[in-house]
Every structure is written in C-alpha cells, then in structure tokens.
C-alpha atoms as a PDB file:
ATOM      1  CA  MET A   1     149.307 109.956 112.346  1.00  0.00           C
ATOM      2  CA  ASP A   2     150.813 110.613 108.908  1.00  0.00           C
ATOM      3  CA  ASN A   3     148.713 111.320 105.822  1.00  0.00           C
ATOM      4  CA  LYS A   4     149.253 107.829 104.378  1.00  0.00           C
ATOM      5  CA  GLN A   5     147.837 106.208 107.500  1.00  0.00           C
ATOM      6  CA  ARG A   6     144.912 108.629 107.559  1.00  0.00           C
ATOM      7  CA  LEU A   7     144.031 107.677 103.986  1.00  0.00           C
ATOM      8  CA  ALA A   8     144.337 103.973 104.800  1.00  0.00           C
ATOM      9  CA  ASN A   9     142.054 104.312 107.835  1.00  0.00           C
ATOM     10  CA  LEU A  10     139.543 106.356 105.846  1.00  0.00           C
ATOM     11  CA  ALA A  11     139.461 103.747 103.073  1.00  0.00           C
ATOM     12  CA  ALA A  12     138.989 100.841 105.492  1.00  0.00           C
ATOM     13  CA  ASN A  13     136.251 102.594 107.451  1.00  0.00           C
ATOM     14  CA  LEU A  14     134.378 103.634 104.311  1.00  0.00           C
ATOM     15  CA  LYS A  15     134.481 100.032 103.081  1.00  0.00           C
ATOM     16  CA  GLY A  16     132.987  98.962 106.411  1.00  0.00           C
ATOM     17  CA  LEU A  17     130.175 101.494 106.096  1.00  0.00           C
ATOM     18  CA  CYS A  18     129.463 100.370 102.528  1.00  0.00           C
ATOM     19  CA  ARG A  19     128.930  96.698 103.387  1.00  0.00           C
ATOM     20  CA  GLY A  20     125.442  95.778 102.243  1.00  0.00           C
ATOM     21  CA  VAL A  21     125.037  99.140 100.480  1.00  0.00           C
ATOM     22  CA  SER A  22     124.886  99.657  96.704  1.00  0.00           C
ATOM     23  CA  ILE A  23     127.845 101.922  95.871  1.00  0.00           C
ATOM     24  CA  ALA A  24     126.018 103.301  92.843  1.00  0.00           C
ATOM     25  CA  VAL A  25     122.946 104.205  94.908  1.00  0.00           C
ATOM     26  CA  ALA A  26     125.074 105.651  97.734  1.00  0.00           C
ATOM     27  CA  CYS A  27     127.035 107.861  95.309  1.00  0.00           C
ATOM     28  CA  ARG A  28     123.844 109.098  93.671  1.00  0.00           C
ATOM     29  CA  GLU A  29     122.246 109.954  97.005  1.00  0.00           C
ATOM     30  CA  ILE A  30     125.390 111.537  98.456  1.00  0.00           C
ATOM     31  CA  GLY A  31     125.920 113.477  95.233  1.00  0.00           C
ATOM     32  CA  LEU A  32     129.397 112.138  94.423  1.00  0.00           C
ATOM     33  CA  ASN A  33     130.968 110.768  91.272  1.00  0.00           C
ATOM     34  CA  ARG A  34     131.323 106.963  91.458  1.00  0.00           C
ATOM     35  CA  GLN A  35     134.891 106.958  90.102  1.00  0.00           C
ATOM     36  CA  GLN A  36     135.931 109.575  92.638  1.00  0.00           C
ATOM     37  CA  PHE A  37     134.319 107.634  95.484  1.00  0.00           C
ATOM     38  CA  ASN A  38     136.202 104.496  94.386  1.00  0.00           C
ATOM     39  CA  LYS A  39     139.444 106.463  94.819  1.00  0.00           C
ATOM     40  CA  TYR A  40     138.474 107.144  98.426  1.00  0.00           C
ATOM     41  CA  LEU A  41     137.748 103.443  98.935  1.00  0.00           C
ATOM     42  CA  SER A  42     141.175 102.522  97.534  1.00  0.00           C
ATOM     43  CA  GLY A  43     142.989 105.017  99.755  1.00  0.00           C
ATOM     44  CA  ARG A  44     144.365 106.985  96.791  1.00  0.00           C
ATOM     45  CA  HIS A  45     142.555 110.286  97.315  1.00  0.00           C
ATOM     46  CA  HIS A  46     141.193 112.376 100.140  1.00  0.00           C
ATOM     47  CA  PRO A  47     137.657 113.888  99.881  1.00  0.00           C
ATOM     48  CA  SER A  48     137.226 117.639  99.808  1.00  0.00           C
ATOM     49  CA  ARG A  49     135.738 119.236 102.911  1.00  0.00           C
ATOM     50  CA  ARG A  50     132.352 119.463 101.211  1.00  0.00           C
ATOM     51  CA  SER A  51     132.405 115.840 100.010  1.00  0.00           C
ATOM     52  CA  LEU A  52     133.545 114.641 103.421  1.00  0.00           C
ATOM     53  CA  ALA A  53     130.647 116.460 105.088  1.00  0.00           C
ATOM     54  CA  ARG A  54     128.205 114.834 102.662  1.00  0.00           C
ATOM     55  CA  ILE A  55     129.643 111.370 103.327  1.00  0.00           C
ATOM     56  CA  CYS A  56     129.442 111.862 107.095  1.00  0.00           C
ATOM     57  CA  GLY A  57     125.871 113.117 106.830  1.00  0.00           C
ATOM     58  CA  TYR A  58     124.796 110.183 104.686  1.00  0.00           C
ATOM     59  CA  PHE A  59     126.286 107.520 106.978  1.00  0.00           C
ATOM     60  CA  SER A  60     125.602 109.431 110.226  1.00  0.00           C
ATOM     61  CA  VAL A  61     129.201 109.322 111.436  1.00  0.00           C
ATOM     62  CA  ALA A  62     131.487 111.940 112.978  1.00  0.00           C
ATOM     63  CA  GLU A  63     134.151 113.269 110.615  1.00  0.00           C
ATOM     64  CA  LYS A  64     137.030 112.706 113.043  1.00  0.00           C
ATOM     65  CA  ASP A  65     135.964 109.102 113.561  1.00  0.00           C
ATOM     66  CA  LEU A  66     136.432 108.233 109.894  1.00  0.00           C
ATOM     67  CA  TYR A  67     140.210 108.457 110.477  1.00  0.00           C
ATOM     68  CA  ARG A  68     140.272 106.257 113.567  1.00  0.00           C
ATOM     69  CA  ASN A  69     141.883 102.846 113.676  1.00  0.00           C
ATOM     70  CA  PRO A  70     139.496 100.534 111.754  1.00  0.00           C
ATOM     71  CA  ALA A  71     139.133  98.144 114.704  1.00  0.00           C
ATOM     72  CA  GLU A  72     138.137 101.014 117.009  1.00  0.00           C
ATOM     73  CA  PHE A  73     135.827 102.469 114.378  1.00  0.00           C
ATOM     74  CA  SER A  74     134.086  99.122 113.879  1.00  0.00           C
ATOM     75  CA  ALA A  75     133.647  98.684 117.630  1.00  0.00           C
ATOM     76  CA  THR A  76     132.054 102.122 117.861  1.00  0.00           C
ATOM     77  CA  TYR A  77     129.810 102.087 114.821  1.00  0.00           C
ATOM     78  CA  HIS A  78     129.034  98.433 114.251  1.00  0.00           C
ATOM     79  CA  SER A  79     129.107  96.516 117.522  1.00  0.00           C
ATOM     80  CA  ALA A  80     126.327  98.489 119.202  1.00  0.00           C
ATOM     81  CA  GLU A  81     124.191  98.249 116.090  1.00  0.00           C
ATOM     82  CA  ASN A  82     124.802  94.511 115.746  1.00  0.00           C
ATOM     83  CA  TRP A  83     123.990  94.027 119.427  1.00  0.00           C
ATOM     84  CA  ARG A  84     120.662  95.789 119.030  1.00  0.00           C
ATOM     85  CA  LEU A  85     119.773  93.787 115.942  1.00  0.00           C
ATOM     86  CA  SER A  86     120.824  90.541 117.605  1.00  0.00           C
ATOM     87  CA  SER A  87     118.744  91.307 120.706  1.00  0.00           C
ATOM     88  CA  PHE A  88     115.771  92.305 118.573  1.00  0.00           C
ATOM     89  CA  ALA A  89     116.016  89.082 116.588  1.00  0.00           C
ATOM     90  CA  GLN A  90     115.702  87.068 119.815  1.00  0.00           C
ATOM     91  CA  LEU A  91     112.315  88.525 120.683  1.00  0.00           C
ATOM     92  CA  ARG A  92     109.498  86.031 120.302  1.00  0.00           C
ATOM     93  CA  ARG A  93     107.269  88.521 118.478  1.00  0.00           C
ATOM     94  CA  PHE A  94     109.983  89.187 115.937  1.00  0.00           C
ATOM     95  CA  GLN A  95     110.478  85.453 115.384  1.00  0.00           C
ATOM     96  CA  ASP A  96     106.733  85.018 114.819  1.00  0.00           C
ATOM     97  CA  PHE A  97     106.822  87.922 112.421  1.00  0.00           C
ATOM     98  CA  SER A  98     109.918  86.779 110.501  1.00  0.00           C
ATOM     99  CA  SER A  99     108.549  83.253 110.040  1.00  0.00           C
ATOM    100  CA  SER A 100     105.866  84.673 107.740  1.00  0.00           C
ATOM    101  CA  MET A 101     108.304  86.661 105.575  1.00  0.00           C
ATOM    102  CA  PRO A 102     109.220  83.950 102.995  1.00  0.00           C
ATOM    103  CA  ALA A 103     105.559  83.622 101.942  1.00  0.00           C
ATOM    104  CA  SER A 104     105.255  87.404 102.034  1.00  0.00           C
ATOM    105  CA  ASP A 105     108.231  87.787  99.706  1.00  0.00           C
ATOM    106  CA  GLU A 106     106.842  85.242  97.256  1.00  0.00           C
ATOM    107  CA  ASN A 107     103.564  87.152  96.971  1.00  0.00           C
ATOM    108  CA  MET A 108     105.329  90.514  96.764  1.00  0.00           C
ATOM    109  CA  ARG A 109     107.532  89.520  93.815  1.00  0.00           C
ATOM    110  CA  GLY A 110     104.562  89.973  91.500  1.00  0.00           C
ATOM    111  CA  TYR A 111     104.576  93.676  92.387  1.00  0.00           C
ATOM    112  CA  ILE A 112     108.220  94.449  91.655  1.00  0.00           C
ATOM    113  CA  GLY A 113     108.455  97.482  89.391  1.00  0.00           C
ATOM    114  CA  LEU A 114     108.158 101.240  89.105  1.00  0.00           C
ATOM    115  CA  TYR A 115     105.066 103.158  90.275  1.00  0.00           C
ATOM    116  CA  HIS A 116     103.613 106.630  90.488  1.00  0.00           C
ATOM    117  CA  ARG A 117     102.339 107.212  94.010  1.00  0.00           C
ATOM    118  CA  TYR A 118      99.512 109.736  94.430  1.00  0.00           C
ATOM    119  CA  HIS A 119      98.097 111.329  97.573  1.00  0.00           C
ATOM    120  CA  PHE A 120      97.090 114.760  98.813  1.00  0.00           C
ATOM    121  CA  SER A 121     100.140 116.692  99.991  1.00  0.00           C
ATOM    122  CA  SER A 122     100.576 117.394 103.687  1.00  0.00           C
ATOM    123  CA  ILE A 123     102.883 120.334 102.853  1.00  0.00           C
ATOM    124  CA  TYR A 124     101.388 122.095  99.818  1.00  0.00           C
ATOM    125  CA  HIS A 125      97.757 122.233 100.902  1.00  0.00           C
ATOM    126  CA  GLY A 126      95.130 121.389  98.323  1.00  0.00           C
ATOM    127  CA  THR A 127      97.546 119.767  95.842  1.00  0.00           C
ATOM    128  CA  ILE A 128      98.104 116.147  94.897  1.00  0.00           C
ATOM    129  CA  LEU A 129     101.656 114.875  95.281  1.00  0.00           C
ATOM    130  CA  ARG A 130     102.888 112.485  92.596  1.00  0.00           C
ATOM    131  CA  SER A 131     106.048 110.722  93.729  1.00  0.00           C
ATOM    132  CA  ILE A 132     108.209 108.005  92.177  1.00  0.00           C
ATOM    133  CA  MET A 133     108.223 104.643  93.940  1.00  0.00           C
ATOM    134  CA  GLU A 134     110.230 101.570  92.977  1.00  0.00           C
ATOM    135  CA  ILE A 135     109.770  98.091  94.475  1.00  0.00           C
ATOM    136  CA  TYR A 136     112.843  95.902  93.977  1.00  0.00           C
ATOM    137  CA  GLU A 137     114.545  92.793  95.322  1.00  0.00           C
ATOM    138  CA  LYS A 138     117.983  92.869  96.923  1.00  0.00           C
ATOM    139  CA  ASP A 139     119.731  89.984  98.684  1.00  0.00           C
ATOM    140  CA  GLY A 140     116.448  88.098  98.896  1.00  0.00           C
ATOM    141  CA  LEU A 141     114.594  91.016 100.492  1.00  0.00           C
ATOM    142  CA  LEU A 142     111.736  93.012  98.953  1.00  0.00           C
ATOM    143  CA  LEU A 143     112.557  96.699  99.385  1.00  0.00           C
ATOM    144  CA  TYR A 144     111.400  99.996  97.950  1.00  0.00           C
ATOM    145  CA  TYR A 145     112.550 103.524  97.280  1.00  0.00           C
ATOM    146  CA  CYS A 146     110.393 106.636  97.052  1.00  0.00           C
ATOM    147  CA  LEU A 147     111.282 110.132  95.806  1.00  0.00           C
ATOM    148  CA  GLU A 148     109.217 113.269  96.501  1.00  0.00           C
ATOM    149  CA  ARG A 149     109.940 116.630  94.864  1.00  0.00           C
ATOM    150  CA  PHE A 150     108.235 119.914  95.742  1.00  0.00           C
ATOM    151  CA  PRO A 151     108.543 122.793  93.253  1.00  0.00           C
ATOM    152  CA  ASP A 152     109.374 126.353  94.208  1.00  0.00           C
ATOM    153  CA  LEU A 153     106.108 128.267  94.649  1.00  0.00           C
ATOM    154  CA  ASP A 154     107.497 131.270  92.790  1.00  0.00           C
ATOM    155  CA  ASP A 155     109.210 129.328  89.984  1.00  0.00           C
ATOM    156  CA  SER A 156     107.839 125.870  89.217  1.00  0.00           C
ATOM    157  CA  SER A 157     110.922 125.050  87.111  1.00  0.00           C
ATOM    158  CA  LYS A 158     112.943 124.978  90.349  1.00  0.00           C
ATOM    159  CA  THR A 159     112.730 122.509  93.235  1.00  0.00           C
ATOM    160  CA  SER A 160     112.373 123.681  96.835  1.00  0.00           C
ATOM    161  CA  TYR A 161     112.291 120.384  98.702  1.00  0.00           C
ATOM    162  CA  VAL A 162     113.359 116.805  98.020  1.00  0.00           C
ATOM    163  CA  PHE A 163     112.539 113.858 100.262  1.00  0.00           C
ATOM    164  CA  LYS A 164     113.885 110.342  99.768  1.00  0.00           C
ATOM    165  CA  TYR A 165     112.552 107.278 101.542  1.00  0.00           C
ATOM    166  CA  HIS A 166     113.885 103.736 101.799  1.00  0.00           C
ATOM    167  CA  GLY A 167     111.845 100.910 103.267  1.00  0.00           C
ATOM    168  CA  CYS A 168     110.670  97.325 103.162  1.00  0.00           C
ATOM    169  CA  CYS A 169     107.549  95.660 101.717  1.00  0.00           C
ATOM    170  CA  LEU A 170     105.387  92.987 103.309  1.00  0.00           C
ATOM    171  CA  TRP A 171     102.373  90.957 102.222  1.00  0.00           C
ATOM    172  CA  LEU A 172      99.725  89.900 104.738  1.00  0.00           C
ATOM    173  CA  ASP A 173      96.155  88.704 104.173  1.00  0.00           C
ATOM    174  CA  GLU A 174      95.898  90.017 100.591  1.00  0.00           C
ATOM    175  CA  ARG A 175      97.272  93.432 101.572  1.00  0.00           C
ATOM    176  CA  LEU A 176     100.590  95.089 100.830  1.00  0.00           C
ATOM    177  CA  PHE A 177     102.312  96.975 103.652  1.00  0.00           C
ATOM    178  CA  PHE A 178     105.150  99.473 103.300  1.00  0.00           C
ATOM    179  CA  ILE A 179     107.220 101.039 106.079  1.00  0.00           C
ATOM    180  CA  ASP A 180     110.093 103.432 105.452  1.00  0.00           C
ATOM    181  CA  ALA A 181     112.387 106.133 106.824  1.00  0.00           C
ATOM    182  CA  GLU A 182     113.347 109.411 105.143  1.00  0.00           C
ATOM    183  CA  ILE A 183     117.128 109.468 104.552  1.00  0.00           C
ATOM    184  CA  LEU A 184     117.916 113.157 103.942  1.00  0.00           C
ATOM    185  CA  GLN A 185     116.328 114.948 106.912  1.00  0.00           C
ATOM    186  CA  ARG A 186     116.287 111.709 108.960  1.00  0.00           C
ATOM    187  CA  ASN A 187     113.304 112.840 110.993  1.00  0.00           C
ATOM    188  CA  GLU A 188     110.366 111.002 109.468  1.00  0.00           C
ATOM    189  CA  MET A 189     108.857 107.564 108.945  1.00  0.00           C
ATOM    190  CA  THR A 190     105.742 106.668 106.965  1.00  0.00           C
ATOM    191  CA  PHE A 191     103.462 103.652 106.871  1.00  0.00           C
ATOM    192  CA  THR A 192     101.315 102.653 103.910  1.00  0.00           C
ATOM    193  CA  ALA A 193      98.776  99.861 103.384  1.00  0.00           C
ATOM    194  CA  VAL A 194      97.233  99.156  99.967  1.00  0.00           C
ATOM    195  CA  VAL A 195      94.876  96.588  98.459  1.00  0.00           C
ATOM    196  CA  PRO A 196      95.099  95.144  94.928  1.00  0.00           C
ATOM    197  CA  VAL A 197      91.999  95.437  92.746  1.00  0.00           C
ATOM    198  CA  SER A 198      91.073  92.065  91.256  1.00  0.00           C
ATOM    199  CA  ARG A 199      90.294  93.337  87.759  1.00  0.00           C
ATOM    200  CA  SER A 200      93.645  95.174  87.505  1.00  0.00           C
ATOM    201  CA  LYS A 201      95.778  93.462  90.127  1.00  0.00           C
ATOM    202  CA  ARG A 202      98.896  95.545  89.658  1.00  0.00           C
ATOM    203  CA  ARG A 203      97.895  98.607  87.637  1.00  0.00           C
ATOM    204  CA  PHE A 204      96.212 100.373  90.580  1.00  0.00           C
ATOM    205  CA  LEU A 205      96.728  99.707  94.290  1.00  0.00           C
ATOM    206  CA  TYR A 206      94.432 101.651  96.630  1.00  0.00           C
ATOM    207  CA  GLY A 207      94.904 102.345 100.333  1.00  0.00           C
ATOM    208  CA  ILE A 208      96.023 104.839 102.957  1.00  0.00           C
ATOM    209  CA  THR A 209      99.316 106.337 104.041  1.00  0.00           C
ATOM    210  CA  THR A 210     100.242 107.899 107.388  1.00  0.00           C
ATOM    211  CA  GLY A 211     103.185 109.940 108.559  1.00  0.00           C
ATOM    212  CA  VAL A 212     104.234 113.293 109.997  1.00  0.00           C
ATOM    213  CA  ALA A 213     103.943 116.468 107.926  1.00  0.00           C
ATOM    214  CA  ALA A 214     107.242 118.228 107.202  1.00  0.00           C
ATOM    215  CA  THR A 215     105.823 121.564 108.349  1.00  0.00           C
ATOM    216  CA  PRO A 216     106.737 123.782 111.316  1.00  0.00           C
ATOM    217  CA  PHE A 217     103.865 122.183 113.280  1.00  0.00           C
ATOM    218  CA  ARG A 218     105.022 118.591 112.546  1.00  0.00           C
ATOM    219  CA  GLU A 219     101.471 117.268 112.883  1.00  0.00           C
ATOM    220  CA  PRO A 220     100.697 113.599 112.133  1.00  0.00           C
ATOM    221  CA  PHE A 221      98.479 113.021 109.100  1.00  0.00           C
ATOM    222  CA  SER A 222      96.712 110.291 107.176  1.00  0.00           C
ATOM    223  CA  THR A 223      95.361 110.350 103.624  1.00  0.00           C
ATOM    224  CA  ARG A 224      94.205 108.094 100.796  1.00  0.00           C
ATOM    225  CA  VAL A 225      96.930 106.856  98.461  1.00  0.00           C
ATOM    226  CA  VAL A 226      97.052 105.189  95.042  1.00  0.00           C
ATOM    227  CA  LEU A 227      99.965 103.376  93.406  1.00  0.00           C
ATOM    228  CA  GLU A 228      99.875 103.282  89.601  1.00  0.00           C
ATOM    229  CA  TYR A 229     102.156 100.745  87.901  1.00  0.00           C
ATOM    230  CA  GLN A 230     104.521 102.254  85.318  1.00  0.00           C
ATOM    231  CA  GLY A 231     106.674  99.321  84.224  1.00  0.00           C
ATOM    232  CA  PRO A 232     109.706  97.239  85.229  1.00  0.00           C
ATOM    233  CA  ALA A 233     112.088  98.484  87.914  1.00  0.00           C
ATOM    234  CA  GLY A 234     115.204 100.335  86.880  1.00  0.00           C
ATOM    235  CA  LYS A 235     113.825 103.320  84.922  1.00  0.00           C
ATOM    236  CA  ARG A 236     113.800 105.685  87.881  1.00  0.00           C
ATOM    237  CA  ARG A 237     116.021 108.339  86.292  1.00  0.00           C
ATOM    238  CA  ASP A 238     113.678 108.740  83.309  1.00  0.00           C
ATOM    239  CA  GLN A 239     110.751 109.266  85.675  1.00  0.00           C
ATOM    240  CA  MET A 240     112.244 111.939  87.936  1.00  0.00           C
ATOM    241  CA  LYS A 241     110.470 114.888  86.267  1.00  0.00           C
ATOM    242  CA  ALA A 242     107.102 113.242  86.937  1.00  0.00           C
ATOM    243  CA  ALA A 243     107.671 113.646  90.696  1.00  0.00           C
ATOM    244  CA  ARG A 244     105.917 116.912  91.605  1.00  0.00           C
ATOM    245  CA  THR A 245     102.771 118.449  93.074  1.00  0.00           C
ATOM    246  CA  LEU A 246      99.714 118.811  90.843  1.00  0.00           C
ATOM    247  CA  ASP A 247      96.359 120.541  90.837  1.00  0.00           C
ATOM    248  CA  PRO A 248      93.647 118.021  91.867  1.00  0.00           C
ATOM    249  CA  ASP A 249      92.003 118.462  88.433  1.00  0.00           C
ATOM    250  CA  ASP A 250      95.223 117.910  86.471  1.00  0.00           C
ATOM    251  CA  ARG A 251      94.356 115.555  83.578  1.00  0.00           C
ATOM    252  CA  SER A 252      97.760 113.838  83.788  1.00  0.00           C
ATOM    253  CA  ILE A 253      96.379 112.174  86.923  1.00  0.00           C
ATOM    254  CA  PRO A 254      94.315 109.121  85.870  1.00  0.00           C
ATOM    255  CA  LEU A 255      90.572 109.563  86.390  1.00  0.00           C
ATOM    256  CA  GLU A 256      90.476 106.506  88.651  1.00  0.00           C
ATOM    257  CA  VAL A 257      93.077 108.121  90.894  1.00  0.00           C
ATOM    258  CA  ARG A 258      91.335 111.502  91.065  1.00  0.00           C
ATOM    259  CA  THR A 259      88.019 109.841  91.826  1.00  0.00           C
ATOM    260  CA  TYR A 260      89.422 107.707  94.643  1.00  0.00           C
ATOM    261  CA  LEU A 261      91.431 110.466  96.310  1.00  0.00           C
ATOM    262  CA  ARG A 262      88.417 112.792  96.396  1.00  0.00           C
ATOM    263  CA  SER A 263      85.778 110.144  97.106  1.00  0.00           C
ATOM    264  CA  GLY A 264      83.324 111.306  99.792  1.00  0.00           C
ATOM    265  CA  THR A 265      85.213 114.545 100.392  1.00  0.00           C
ATOM    266  CA  SER A 266      87.075 117.297  98.574  1.00  0.00           C
ATOM    267  CA  GLY A 267      90.333 119.206  98.594  1.00  0.00           C
ATOM    268  CA  GLU A 268      92.135 119.643 101.903  1.00  0.00           C
ATOM    269  CA  ALA A 269      89.439 117.651 103.740  1.00  0.00           C
ATOM    270  CA  SER A 270      91.027 114.593 102.102  1.00  0.00           C
ATOM    271  CA  ILE A 271      93.760 114.752 104.759  1.00  0.00           C
ATOM    272  CA  LEU A 272      93.159 113.817 108.366  1.00  0.00           C
ATOM    273  CA  ARG A 273      95.504 115.782 110.614  1.00  0.00           C
ATOM    274  CA  GLY A 274      96.430 115.268 114.238  1.00  0.00           C
ATOM    275  CA  GLY A 275      97.224 117.964 116.759  1.00  0.00           C
END
C-alpha cells in the first residue's frame, strides 16, 4: 500500500470514528490542535508517532487497523458495536426504560449548566474533592462531563492525577440520576443520585455518589455529594483551576456544603468503603 492510500484510509477511518463526536471536544481531550486534526481528516497529513498513539488510545483502536480498507475497518469496529446496541434496544426492560426518557429530558433541561461537585475524596483521605461538572444537551440527549484534578502532594501548583468522566442524566420521581464512565484510564464507572431542595431548586443538589477508588486496593466506596450551580454551560475552561482537593474547613466551600458532607460524622468516616 503506497503512502497516498494509507493517508486516504486513515482519513476515512478517522471520520468514521468521529461520527457523533464533537471534534472540538475530542481534540481537547486527546491533546491535539484542531487545525492539525482537520488535516488528518482531509488526508493531507500524517500524525506523528506520539499523536497517533494518543488518537488510538482515545478511540480504543489498534494503530495498524487505522490504515485498513475503510469497509474492513467499519466491519471490525462498528458492526459488532451496532449489533450489541441493536440487541440491547430490543430488550423489553430497555424499552420500558426508554419510554420514560422524553419526560425525563424535559425535567432535566431546567438543570443544564455548570456546577461544582463536592464530596470527600476516595484517594486523598480526609480531603474534599471539588470537581467541575457540566450538564448539557446534545442531539436531544441530556449528557454531562466531569473533570477531577488531584494536586501533587509535594507541590500543590502541579497536578498529579486527572480524571475525566462522560455520562448521561436521567430524571425519575423528583430525583436526578447520573451514570458515567472515566475516559482516560477507562477502568471506572460512577453512579450519582441527587435531590433538589425546594427553596433553592438548582443552587444546591444533595445526594450520594458511588464508585471504585482509584487506589492500589480498588475498593468500592460511597459518599455524600453536593452539586452547586455556577452558571450557564460553556464556561468550563474558566473553571478548571477550581477543580482540586481542599481541606474540609476551607472557607471557599459553601457552609451548606461543609455542613451536609460532615453531617452525623466527620473526616474520613464520611466515606463508606467496601472490601
């Protein structure tokens, strides 16, 4: 296969992977310049080894497969996935579930926007993690994005760990439910349920979150969580520095949040861990 054909196959297969994906978001999360990525999509340029590795990691594809004939690539990476989704959609339980989604979406639209999410950290014991969470609508679906940043213990100006989650939002019986998957390590899912407070319907949402701690022991955990509304969606970049771990007495955490997270307990006891 000559270089021209390799570039053409790469471009076609990347376009297939990007269907239904925001190019701007994908470039930001892969760590690539948008203009450069567009050159790959047009078949004009070939990615560097480092960029190619990042692209393959993001889309979970084998590097050699990106140069395969587009029809073969699609059969390998799309047909099996479509078959699973099609089979899943035929299940009666899924049909019962999906029939309630239009009403769920209508209720959820009132909560679109940017939030600070607070809960005790499962990694840095005894600290409160403030992450950035954005609820948004895309193609008629209510989705959300969450960013967690953990500072270096020796130099707080540096970041040791970053976790990014993408998921969907649902409304059921006056509760909001969130389920997501972490997209960098690809080894974690979390589930969150929160309840609006009537006197401040959107400002504070209180509930619990569950997941698996990103520690060597990988123990499941559950802890109280609060979402604090920050404003309309789309200001995520300006909020990035707010995503960090904090001392439980840090006054930048609203009093209502500190009180709820520590209600009936204190410190590390605010996390329930499994073996």
